[in-house]
Amino acid sequence: MDDAPAPSNPKVFVSSIANSTAASRTPMMALSHSGNSDPGTAYEPRGFSHPVNTGWTARAGFIIFKTHVLRNHSFNPQEISSSFGRIQSKYLSWCAGIILAAAGLCRADDFSAQRQLVENLARLTEAPAMREADGFPAAGEIKAIYFDALEWKGKPTKVFAWLGVPKNPSGKVPGIVLVHGGGGTAFLSWVQEWNDRGFAAIAIAVEGQTSNHPEGASKGWKRHESGGPGRVGIYGDSKEPLRDQWMYHAVADTVLSHSLLRSLPGVDPEKIGIMGISWGGVITSTVIGIDSRFAFAIPTYGCGDLSMAGNQYGRALGDNLLYQQVWDPILRLDRAKLPVLWLSWPQDKHFPLNHQAASYRRASGPHMVTLIPNMGHGHGPARKRPESYAFAQSIVTDGTPWCRQTEAGADGNAARVVFSLSKPLDRATLVSTTGSGITGSRTWLESPAKLEEKGGRWHATATLSEGTTAWFINVHSGALVSSSDFQETSAPSQ
């Protein structure tokens, strides 16, 4: 695909790639990663779980047969019938192997072109046009807006959002892009929470909806006439052309909202982060490998590496070749050099801790982990916790997370973690399990850990119970919690 710079305006951007044929193809070859957390680890083919495109495969097969088999081998009449498909099996098998290899190479090219289309969304750096949204009363400095987004199925789209910039007579303020999860929308109250802490914020609705319920309903969100695609299950629209898929538009909407926030005169463009909850966490994990302008990120629950999960995500994505080769955030998390807080809880049944860990171990920037036992999954539990605000403040103020793990591991049953941080600690807790299977379905136990300060660093130690399969250590500073990386002591989790 042509790597020449693409226009940054949404409308021009769409027309500049409208003739690309790669985006309309459906990939056929599966991928899996080796499990190595080294950012340089390559991803390798898993084989074929779908039939290859019969048109070009048949043509390739005929050419291979004619130029290699007939030219280099003699046949007697008994070996050839009237049909190409009934040639003696030894020649057909040899031919089929070459055809499949050729199919793999062609599909690899398809995937590469589609990955490039996704990564080109980083070029949406021009602030989109916006206007205030009628029918949504402002709340102080917070107002409802629509901004221009990419075309969907040949029609222009707009994104509904709540935007608030707190007044700061002493200068520009930091900012954050807020991305909801499944069943959510752009929440005015979420913008207010960040405004109250001195951050400009834009909360976007990534499924073509507003923040109003449909007429006569108390649930769900009313779509607007210029809305883009809604989410279809778990990447359930993967057979659609790439540029018509929900994730493509969700990522584009997020990049455009970032460009819009950066353009506002009262906002410091170098101190803008992103937070996404659940599916918003998946979007966040995807975007930070594409848009390098973000200063920090807080993917909550959602992560990458889900095609191998032993739950509904693995069932949906285990054979979803487009996810594995194009959409999985882990494909490009090695490009994410920004500080990231990975916020979740051990009982989460949607996004297992080992797959979250694979995501942050793939990322190349500094990371923090916070795993809160019994926190719950949803917009409310995530927003009520203080850790996201404290993390963001530490980045825009000090340029580094307030707490970082520097060492972690176990020698036999002796677990040890070392933290470097800028706040005093009160206590430490070992969180462990002897269960197996999905991490969210296991029983997790909490027990006291020993905490000591040595040479400006905090050492937390604990004894693991017999049969422990996974663990982490939480350290507490008032209401704040920081966790060690997730640790496994036996066979990998599902």
Protein backbone atom coordinates (compact mmCIF):
# COMPACT_ATOMS: atom_id res chain seq x y z
CA MET A 1 0.00 0.00 0.00
CA ASP A 2 1.19 3.54 -0.72
CA ASP A 3 2.86 5.00 2.37
CA ALA A 4 2.63 8.60 1.20
CA PRO A 5 1.16 10.91 3.85
CA ALA A 6 -2.62 10.88 3.84
CA PRO A 7 -4.84 13.92 4.37
CA SER A 8 -5.74 14.56 8.02
CA ASN A 9 -9.23 15.92 7.36
CA PRO A 10 -11.89 13.19 7.85
CA LYS A 11 -13.69 13.78 4.53
CA VAL A 12 -10.52 14.06 2.45
CA PHE A 13 -9.04 11.11 4.36
CA VAL A 14 -11.91 8.87 3.28
CA SER A 15 -11.73 9.82 -0.37
CA SER A 16 -7.97 9.30 -0.42
CA ILE A 17 -8.34 5.61 0.38
CA ALA A 18 -11.66 4.91 -1.31
CA ASN A 19 -10.07 2.94 -4.15
CA SER A 20 -8.13 0.57 -1.92
CA THR A 21 -9.14 -3.00 -2.66
CA ALA A 22 -7.30 -4.55 0.24
CA ALA A 23 -9.79 -3.23 2.78
CA SER A 24 -12.69 -5.15 1.24
CA ARG A 25 -11.12 -8.58 1.35
CA THR A 26 -11.95 -11.16 3.97
CA PRO A 27 -8.81 -12.73 5.49
CA MET A 28 -8.56 -16.51 5.67
CA MET A 29 -5.34 -17.47 7.46
CA ALA A 30 -5.24 -17.65 11.25
CA LEU A 31 -2.51 -16.35 13.52
CA SER A 32 -1.39 -17.11 17.01
CA HIS A 33 1.44 -15.58 18.95
CA SER A 34 4.19 -17.58 20.54
CA GLY A 35 3.37 -16.49 24.06
CA ASN A 36 6.72 -14.72 24.38
CA SER A 37 6.29 -11.30 25.97
CA ASP A 38 9.31 -9.85 24.19
CA PRO A 39 8.06 -6.85 22.17
CA GLY A 40 10.11 -8.09 19.23
CA THR A 41 8.37 -11.47 19.07
CA ALA A 42 6.85 -12.16 15.68
CA TYR A 43 3.40 -13.58 15.09
CA GLU A 44 3.19 -16.83 13.20
CA PRO A 45 0.54 -18.57 11.06
CA ARG A 46 -1.69 -21.12 12.77
CA GLY A 47 -2.96 -22.65 9.53
CA PHE A 48 -6.21 -22.47 7.64
CA SER A 49 -9.58 -22.69 9.34
CA HIS A 50 -11.61 -21.36 6.39
CA PRO A 51 -11.65 -22.25 2.68
CA VAL A 52 -9.34 -20.09 0.59
CA ASN A 53 -10.61 -17.88 -2.22
CA THR A 54 -11.39 -20.39 -4.95
CA GLY A 55 -10.95 -18.02 -7.90
CA TRP A 56 -7.32 -17.09 -7.55
CA THR A 57 -6.47 -20.38 -5.84
CA ALA A 58 -7.73 -22.36 -8.85
CA ARG A 59 -5.79 -20.16 -11.24
CA ALA A 60 -2.63 -20.49 -9.14
CA GLY A 61 -3.13 -24.25 -8.99
CA PHE A 62 -3.51 -24.57 -12.74
CA ILE A 63 -0.36 -22.53 -13.37
CA ILE A 64 1.62 -24.57 -10.86
CA PHE A 65 0.31 -27.83 -12.34
CA LYS A 66 1.07 -26.83 -15.92
CA THR A 67 4.52 -25.34 -15.35
CA HIS A 68 5.88 -27.77 -12.79
CA VAL A 69 4.01 -31.06 -12.80
CA LEU A 70 3.35 -31.59 -16.53
CA ARG A 71 6.71 -30.16 -17.53
CA ASN A 72 8.77 -32.21 -15.08
CA HIS A 73 6.87 -35.48 -14.81
CA SER A 74 5.78 -38.11 -17.29
CA PHE A 75 2.34 -39.72 -16.97
CA ASN A 76 0.87 -42.85 -18.34
CA PRO A 77 -2.76 -42.87 -19.45
CA GLN A 78 -3.91 -44.63 -16.31
CA GLU A 79 -2.66 -41.75 -14.17
CA ILE A 80 -4.73 -39.05 -15.89
CA SER A 81 -8.48 -38.84 -16.12
CA SER A 82 -10.64 -36.26 -17.84
CA SER A 83 -10.79 -34.11 -14.71
CA PHE A 84 -8.03 -32.02 -13.15
CA GLY A 85 -9.40 -33.00 -9.74
CA ARG A 86 -8.75 -36.75 -10.33
CA ILE A 87 -5.05 -36.67 -11.07
CA GLN A 88 -3.16 -39.32 -9.13
CA SER A 89 -3.13 -38.31 -5.46
CA LYS A 90 0.65 -37.96 -5.12
CA TYR A 91 0.70 -35.16 -7.70
CA LEU A 92 -2.47 -33.53 -6.36
CA SER A 93 -1.10 -33.51 -2.82
CA TRP A 94 2.14 -31.94 -4.00
CA CYS A 95 0.16 -29.33 -5.92
CA ALA A 96 -2.17 -28.64 -2.99
CA GLY A 97 0.76 -27.94 -0.69
CA ILE A 98 2.13 -25.32 -3.05
CA ILE A 99 -1.33 -23.82 -3.55
CA LEU A 100 -1.85 -23.48 0.20
CA ALA A 101 1.58 -21.90 0.60
CA ALA A 102 0.73 -19.44 -2.18
CA ALA A 103 -2.61 -18.73 -0.51
CA GLY A 104 -0.82 -17.97 2.74
CA LEU A 105 1.49 -15.50 1.06
CA CYS A 106 -1.42 -13.76 -0.66
CA ARG A 107 -3.40 -13.58 2.57
CA ALA A 108 -0.38 -12.26 4.44
CA ASP A 109 -0.28 -9.42 1.91
CA ASP A 110 -4.00 -8.79 2.50
CA PHE A 111 -3.51 -8.60 6.25
CA SER A 112 -0.52 -6.31 5.88
CA ALA A 113 -2.54 -3.92 3.71
CA GLN A 114 -5.43 -3.92 6.18
CA ARG A 115 -3.12 -3.30 9.13
CA GLN A 116 -1.74 -0.35 7.21
CA LEU A 117 -5.25 1.04 6.71
CA VAL A 118 -5.84 0.84 10.46
CA GLU A 119 -2.52 2.46 11.26
CA ASN A 120 -3.23 5.25 8.77
CA LEU A 121 -5.94 6.44 11.17
CA ALA A 122 -3.09 8.05 13.09
CA ARG A 123 -3.04 10.66 10.31
CA LEU A 124 -6.40 12.12 11.41
CA THR A 125 -4.55 14.94 13.13
CA GLU A 126 -6.65 17.86 11.90
CA ALA A 127 -9.38 18.93 14.32
CA PRO A 128 -12.79 17.95 12.93
CA ALA A 129 -15.53 20.53 12.50
CA MET A 130 -17.92 20.62 15.46
CA ARG A 131 -21.19 22.25 16.44
CA GLU A 132 -23.28 22.33 19.57
CA ALA A 133 -25.95 19.63 19.79
CA ASP A 134 -29.51 20.89 20.06
CA GLY A 135 -31.74 19.48 22.77
CA PHE A 136 -28.97 18.88 25.30
CA PRO A 137 -28.79 21.72 27.85
CA ALA A 138 -25.29 22.74 28.88
CA ALA A 139 -24.14 22.06 32.43
CA GLY A 140 -21.87 24.91 33.42
CA GLU A 141 -18.76 24.71 31.24
CA ILE A 142 -19.84 21.36 29.78
CA LYS A 143 -21.73 21.27 26.49
CA ALA A 144 -23.03 18.63 24.11
CA ILE A 145 -21.54 18.65 20.63
CA TYR A 146 -21.41 16.78 17.35
CA PHE A 147 -18.14 16.54 15.43
CA ASP A 148 -17.51 15.32 11.89
CA ALA A 149 -16.24 11.77 11.48
CA LEU A 150 -15.46 9.34 8.66
CA GLU A 151 -17.95 8.21 6.06
CA TRP A 152 -19.78 4.95 6.70
CA LYS A 153 -21.16 3.05 3.71
CA GLY A 154 -20.77 6.15 1.60
CA LYS A 155 -22.56 8.53 3.98
CA PRO A 156 -21.01 11.19 6.22
CA THR A 157 -21.19 10.60 9.96
CA LYS A 158 -20.97 12.67 13.11
CA VAL A 159 -20.09 11.73 16.67
CA PHE A 160 -22.04 12.88 19.71
CA ALA A 161 -19.92 13.96 22.69
CA TRP A 162 -19.89 15.93 25.92
CA LEU A 163 -17.04 18.43 26.11
CA GLY A 164 -15.91 20.42 29.12
CA VAL A 165 -12.90 22.67 29.70
CA PRO A 166 -12.47 24.05 33.23
CA LYS A 167 -11.36 27.64 33.55
CA ASN A 168 -7.76 28.08 34.62
CA PRO A 169 -6.56 31.68 34.91
CA SER A 170 -2.96 30.54 35.38
CA GLY A 171 -2.64 28.72 32.07
CA LYS A 172 -3.65 25.70 30.02
CA VAL A 173 -5.13 22.57 31.56
CA PRO A 174 -4.39 18.89 30.87
CA GLY A 175 -7.06 16.83 29.14
CA ILE A 176 -8.49 13.37 28.67
CA VAL A 177 -10.55 11.46 26.09
CA LEU A 178 -13.20 9.21 27.68
CA VAL A 179 -14.47 6.10 25.88
CA HIS A 180 -17.45 4.16 27.20
CA GLY A 181 -18.00 0.41 27.21
CA GLY A 182 -20.85 -1.84 26.13
CA GLY A 183 -24.25 -0.45 27.06
CA GLY A 184 -22.77 2.98 27.73
CA THR A 185 -22.62 6.29 25.96
CA ALA A 186 -21.01 9.71 26.33
CA PHE A 187 -21.61 10.52 30.00
CA LEU A 188 -21.84 14.17 31.07
CA SER A 189 -21.13 13.16 34.68
CA TRP A 190 -17.85 11.50 33.66
CA VAL A 191 -16.70 14.75 32.06
CA GLN A 192 -17.72 16.60 35.22
CA GLU A 193 -15.65 14.27 37.40
CA TRP A 194 -12.52 15.04 35.40
CA ASN A 195 -13.30 18.76 35.16
CA ASP A 196 -13.55 18.85 38.95
CA ARG A 197 -9.96 17.58 39.07
CA GLY A 198 -8.69 20.24 36.68
CA PHE A 199 -8.77 18.23 33.43
CA ALA A 200 -10.50 19.18 30.21
CA ALA A 201 -12.49 16.14 29.05
CA ILE A 202 -14.38 14.88 26.04
CA ALA A 203 -16.64 11.84 26.44
CA ILE A 204 -17.56 10.33 23.08
CA ALA A 205 -20.39 8.04 22.00
CA VAL A 206 -18.85 5.43 19.70
CA GLU A 207 -22.00 3.64 18.49
CA GLY A 208 -23.83 6.45 16.71
CA GLN A 209 -25.91 7.24 19.79
CA THR A 210 -26.63 10.22 22.01
CA SER A 211 -27.02 10.38 25.79
CA ASN A 212 -30.83 10.48 25.59
CA HIS A 213 -32.98 7.39 25.99
CA PRO A 214 -35.35 6.50 23.15
CA GLU A 215 -38.77 8.10 23.55
CA GLY A 216 -40.81 6.25 26.17
CA ALA A 217 -37.88 4.06 27.25
CA SER A 218 -35.80 4.08 30.42
CA LYS A 219 -32.92 2.08 28.96
CA GLY A 220 -30.79 2.20 25.86
CA TRP A 221 -29.61 5.22 23.95
CA LYS A 222 -31.26 7.04 21.09
CA ARG A 223 -29.32 7.04 17.84
CA HIS A 224 -28.93 10.24 15.86
CA GLU A 225 -29.44 10.49 12.12
CA SER A 226 -25.75 10.88 11.30
CA GLY A 227 -24.51 8.09 13.52
CA GLY A 228 -21.91 5.57 12.43
CA PRO A 229 -22.04 1.81 13.01
CA GLY A 230 -22.97 0.15 16.27
CA ARG A 231 -21.02 -2.71 17.77
CA VAL A 232 -22.00 -6.17 16.50
CA GLY A 233 -21.20 -8.63 19.27
CA ILE A 234 -17.52 -9.49 19.58
CA TYR A 235 -16.06 -8.26 16.27
CA GLY A 236 -19.15 -9.78 14.67
CA ASP A 237 -18.87 -7.55 11.61
CA SER A 238 -15.43 -8.87 10.59
CA LYS A 239 -16.74 -10.01 7.20
CA GLU A 240 -17.73 -6.46 6.31
CA PRO A 241 -15.27 -4.26 4.40
CA LEU A 242 -12.73 -2.97 6.88
CA ARG A 243 -13.80 0.66 6.58
CA ASP A 244 -17.41 -0.28 7.40
CA GLN A 245 -16.52 -2.12 10.61
CA TRP A 246 -17.40 -0.76 14.01
CA MET A 247 -13.88 -0.95 15.45
CA TYR A 248 -12.48 0.99 12.50
CA HIS A 249 -14.89 3.83 13.23
CA ALA A 250 -14.48 3.59 17.01
CA VAL A 251 -10.72 4.01 16.62
CA ALA A 252 -11.16 6.85 14.11
CA ASP A 253 -13.67 8.61 16.39
CA THR A 254 -11.22 8.38 19.29
CA VAL A 255 -8.32 9.78 17.27
CA LEU A 256 -10.52 12.60 15.96
CA SER A 257 -11.75 13.50 19.46
CA HIS A 258 -8.12 13.70 20.54
CA SER A 259 -7.35 16.04 17.64
CA LEU A 260 -10.35 18.17 18.60
CA LEU A 261 -9.33 18.41 22.25
CA ARG A 262 -5.75 19.32 21.29
CA SER A 263 -7.02 22.20 19.16
CA LEU A 264 -8.79 24.01 22.01
CA PRO A 265 -6.92 27.09 23.19
CA GLY A 266 -7.30 26.34 26.91
CA VAL A 267 -5.90 22.81 26.68
CA ASP A 268 -2.26 21.72 26.86
CA PRO A 269 -1.91 19.40 23.82
CA GLU A 270 1.11 17.64 25.32
CA LYS A 271 -0.81 16.54 28.43
CA ILE A 272 -3.82 14.72 27.04
CA GLY A 273 -4.56 11.14 28.02
CA ILE A 274 -7.24 8.56 27.33
CA MET A 275 -9.38 6.32 29.52
CA GLY A 276 -11.70 3.58 28.28
CA ILE A 277 -13.89 1.18 30.23
CA SER A 278 -14.56 -2.44 29.14
CA TRP A 279 -15.03 -2.22 25.35
CA GLY A 280 -13.67 1.30 25.77
CA GLY A 281 -10.61 -0.36 27.31
CA VAL A 282 -10.24 -2.51 24.19
CA ILE A 283 -10.49 0.63 22.06
CA THR A 284 -7.94 2.37 24.28
CA SER A 285 -5.56 -0.60 24.04
CA THR A 286 -5.92 -0.41 20.26
CA VAL A 287 -5.58 3.36 19.89
CA ILE A 288 -2.41 3.75 21.96
CA GLY A 289 -0.59 1.57 19.43
CA ILE A 290 -1.78 3.89 16.64
CA ASP A 291 -1.96 7.49 17.95
CA SER A 292 1.41 8.31 19.52
CA ARG A 293 0.33 11.78 20.68
CA PHE A 294 -1.34 10.63 23.91
CA ALA A 295 0.54 11.43 27.12
CA PHE A 296 -0.97 8.61 29.20
CA ALA A 297 -3.62 5.91 29.02
CA ILE A 298 -5.95 4.05 31.40
CA PRO A 299 -7.44 0.94 29.75
CA THR A 300 -9.91 -0.38 32.31
CA TYR A 301 -10.82 -4.08 32.14
CA GLY A 302 -10.46 -4.26 28.34
CA CYS A 303 -7.19 -5.43 26.78
CA GLY A 304 -5.77 -7.43 23.87
CA ASP A 305 -4.73 -11.06 23.33
CA LEU A 306 -8.34 -12.27 23.61
CA SER A 307 -8.45 -14.89 20.85
CA MET A 308 -6.84 -17.41 23.19
CA ALA A 309 -9.06 -16.64 26.21
CA GLY A 310 -11.10 -19.53 27.59
CA ASN A 311 -14.36 -17.58 27.67
CA GLN A 312 -16.80 -15.94 25.28
CA TYR A 313 -14.01 -13.85 23.76
CA GLY A 314 -11.92 -16.87 22.91
CA ARG A 315 -14.96 -18.65 21.49
CA ALA A 316 -15.77 -15.67 19.28
CA LEU A 317 -12.21 -14.81 18.27
CA GLY A 318 -10.41 -18.16 18.18
CA ASP A 319 -11.25 -18.48 14.48
CA ASN A 320 -11.61 -14.77 13.74
CA LEU A 321 -8.64 -14.25 11.48
CA LEU A 322 -9.15 -10.53 11.01
CA TYR A 323 -8.97 -9.95 14.77
CA GLN A 324 -5.85 -12.05 15.10
CA GLN A 325 -3.98 -10.36 12.27
CA VAL A 326 -5.41 -6.86 12.13
CA TRP A 327 -7.35 -5.83 15.25
CA ASP A 328 -5.73 -7.49 18.25
CA PRO A 329 -4.22 -4.57 20.23
CA ILE A 330 -1.22 -6.72 21.09
CA LEU A 331 -0.11 -6.55 17.44
CA ARG A 332 1.07 -2.96 17.92
CA LEU A 333 1.30 -2.41 21.69
CA ASP A 334 5.09 -2.51 21.35
CA ARG A 335 4.68 0.96 19.81
CA ALA A 336 2.95 2.28 22.94
CA LYS A 337 5.72 4.17 24.71
CA LEU A 338 3.43 6.24 26.94
CA PRO A 339 2.76 5.51 30.65
CA VAL A 340 -0.25 3.22 31.06
CA LEU A 341 -2.36 2.25 34.06
CA TRP A 342 -4.05 -1.14 33.60
CA LEU A 343 -7.04 -1.10 35.95
CA SER A 344 -9.16 -4.18 36.68
CA TRP A 345 -10.10 -6.75 39.32
CA PRO A 346 -9.25 -10.45 39.73
CA GLN A 347 -12.86 -11.64 39.50
CA ASP A 348 -13.45 -10.13 36.04
CA LYS A 349 -14.95 -12.84 33.81
CA HIS A 350 -14.70 -10.81 30.60
CA PHE A 351 -11.00 -9.94 30.43
CA PRO A 352 -8.81 -12.55 32.19
CA LEU A 353 -5.79 -11.25 34.09
CA ASN A 354 -3.27 -13.32 32.12
CA HIS A 355 -4.45 -11.74 28.86
CA GLN A 356 -4.33 -8.30 30.39
CA ALA A 357 -0.79 -9.13 31.55
CA ALA A 358 0.18 -10.23 28.04
CA SER A 359 -0.95 -6.80 26.87
CA TYR A 360 1.05 -4.71 29.33
CA ARG A 361 4.11 -6.91 28.97
CA ARG A 362 3.95 -6.31 25.23
CA ALA A 363 3.82 -2.51 25.64
CA SER A 364 7.18 -0.75 25.64
CA GLY A 365 6.35 2.20 27.90
CA PRO A 366 6.19 2.32 31.71
CA HIS A 367 3.10 0.76 33.24
CA MET A 368 1.20 0.54 36.48
CA VAL A 369 -1.25 -2.20 37.39
CA THR A 370 -4.16 -1.85 39.81
CA LEU A 371 -6.25 -4.94 40.59
CA ILE A 372 -8.98 -4.35 43.16
CA PRO A 373 -10.56 -7.49 44.65
CA ASN A 374 -14.37 -7.43 44.39
CA MET A 375 -14.40 -4.08 42.55
CA GLY A 376 -17.06 -5.12 40.02
CA HIS A 377 -17.31 -4.61 36.27
CA GLY A 378 -18.98 -1.49 34.92
CA HIS A 379 -18.78 2.24 34.35
CA GLY A 380 -19.72 3.03 37.94
CA PRO A 381 -17.14 0.88 39.77
CA ALA A 382 -14.31 2.05 37.53
CA ARG A 383 -15.18 5.73 37.85
CA LYS A 384 -15.57 5.60 41.63
CA ARG A 385 -12.05 4.35 42.21
CA PRO A 386 -9.44 7.09 42.86
CA GLU A 387 -6.56 5.39 41.05
CA SER A 388 -7.27 6.71 37.55
CA TYR A 389 -7.29 10.31 38.74
CA ALA A 390 -4.13 9.87 40.85
CA PHE A 391 -2.30 8.21 37.97
CA ALA A 392 -3.24 10.94 35.49
CA GLN A 393 -2.23 13.66 37.94
CA SER A 394 1.15 12.04 38.56
CA ILE A 395 1.85 11.95 34.81
CA VAL A 396 0.89 15.54 34.02
CA THR A 397 2.61 16.84 37.16
CA ASP A 398 5.71 14.66 37.55
CA GLY A 399 5.93 12.94 34.17
CA THR A 400 5.97 9.46 35.72
CA PRO A 401 3.53 7.09 37.51
CA TRP A 402 3.32 7.61 41.25
CA CYS A 403 4.12 3.92 41.78
CA ARG A 404 6.10 1.42 39.70
CA GLN A 405 7.07 -2.16 40.24
CA THR A 406 10.82 -2.68 39.81
CA GLU A 407 11.09 -6.37 40.75
CA ALA A 408 8.66 -9.27 41.18
CA GLY A 409 8.94 -13.01 41.51
CA ALA A 410 8.90 -16.02 43.79
CA ASP A 411 11.63 -18.28 45.11
CA GLY A 412 9.74 -21.43 45.97
CA ASN A 413 6.86 -20.23 48.12
CA ALA A 414 8.50 -16.91 48.99
CA ALA A 415 6.94 -14.10 46.96
CA ARG A 416 8.72 -10.77 46.72
CA VAL A 417 7.90 -7.48 45.01
CA VAL A 418 9.82 -4.20 45.05
CA PHE A 419 8.12 -0.87 44.33
CA SER A 420 9.47 2.60 43.58
CA LEU A 421 6.97 5.34 44.40
CA SER A 422 6.41 8.94 45.38
CA LYS A 423 3.81 8.37 48.12
CA PRO A 424 4.11 6.72 51.52
CA LEU A 425 2.64 3.23 51.93
CA ASP A 426 0.42 1.95 54.75
CA ARG A 427 0.31 -1.79 54.19
CA ALA A 428 0.61 -4.62 51.67
CA THR A 429 -1.71 -7.52 50.79
CA LEU A 430 -1.08 -10.80 49.03
CA VAL A 431 -3.92 -11.76 46.67
CA SER A 432 -3.64 -15.37 45.53
CA THR A 433 -5.52 -18.38 44.20
CA THR A 434 -5.07 -22.15 44.06
CA GLY A 435 -7.73 -22.47 41.36
CA SER A 436 -7.43 -23.08 37.65
CA GLY A 437 -9.22 -21.97 34.51
CA ILE A 438 -10.44 -18.46 33.78
CA THR A 439 -8.95 -16.11 36.36
CA GLY A 440 -12.30 -14.41 36.89
CA SER A 441 -13.95 -17.68 37.92
CA ARG A 442 -11.38 -18.64 40.54
CA THR A 443 -11.55 -18.06 44.29
CA TRP A 444 -9.12 -15.32 45.29
CA LEU A 445 -7.89 -14.98 48.87
CA GLU A 446 -6.34 -11.97 50.57
CA SER A 447 -3.74 -12.22 53.32
CA PRO A 448 -1.33 -9.74 54.92
CA ALA A 449 2.09 -9.24 53.35
CA LYS A 450 5.18 -7.83 55.03
CA LEU A 451 6.16 -4.32 53.98
CA GLU A 452 9.54 -2.63 54.52
CA GLU A 453 11.21 0.49 53.18
CA LYS A 454 14.83 -0.03 52.16
CA GLY A 455 17.00 2.52 50.42
CA GLY A 456 14.08 4.56 49.17
CA ARG A 457 12.19 1.54 47.83
CA TRP A 458 9.41 -0.54 49.32
CA HIS A 459 9.80 -4.30 49.60
CA ALA A 460 6.67 -6.46 49.98
CA THR A 461 7.07 -10.13 50.83
CA ALA A 462 4.62 -12.95 51.51
CA THR A 463 4.46 -16.74 51.76
CA LEU A 464 2.51 -18.51 49.05
CA SER A 465 0.19 -21.31 50.11
CA GLU A 466 0.78 -24.84 48.86
CA GLY A 467 -0.81 -25.22 45.43
CA THR A 468 -0.88 -21.51 44.59
CA THR A 469 -1.39 -21.09 40.85
CA ALA A 470 -1.41 -17.29 40.54
CA TRP A 471 -0.82 -14.25 42.73
CA PHE A 472 -0.06 -10.57 42.97
CA ILE A 473 0.70 -8.15 45.80
CA ASN A 474 -1.24 -4.95 46.44
CA VAL A 475 0.31 -2.00 48.25
CA HIS A 476 -1.90 0.66 49.83
CA SER A 477 -1.37 4.39 50.18
CA GLY A 478 -4.50 5.68 51.88
CA ALA A 479 -7.36 4.90 49.50
CA LEU A 480 -5.00 4.24 46.59
CA VAL A 481 -3.98 0.75 45.53
CA SER A 482 -1.12 -0.28 43.27
CA SER A 483 -0.51 -3.90 42.28
CA SER A 484 2.41 -5.96 41.17
CA ASP A 485 2.24 -7.57 37.77
CA PHE A 486 0.07 -10.69 37.64
CA GLN A 487 2.19 -13.76 38.43
CA GLU A 488 1.57 -17.41 37.54
CA THR A 489 3.28 -20.33 39.25
CA SER A 490 1.89 -23.26 37.24
CA ALA A 491 0.33 -23.97 33.85
CA PRO A 492 -0.84 -20.78 32.07
CA SER A 493 -4.39 -19.63 32.72
CA GLN A 494 -7.04 -19.83 30.05
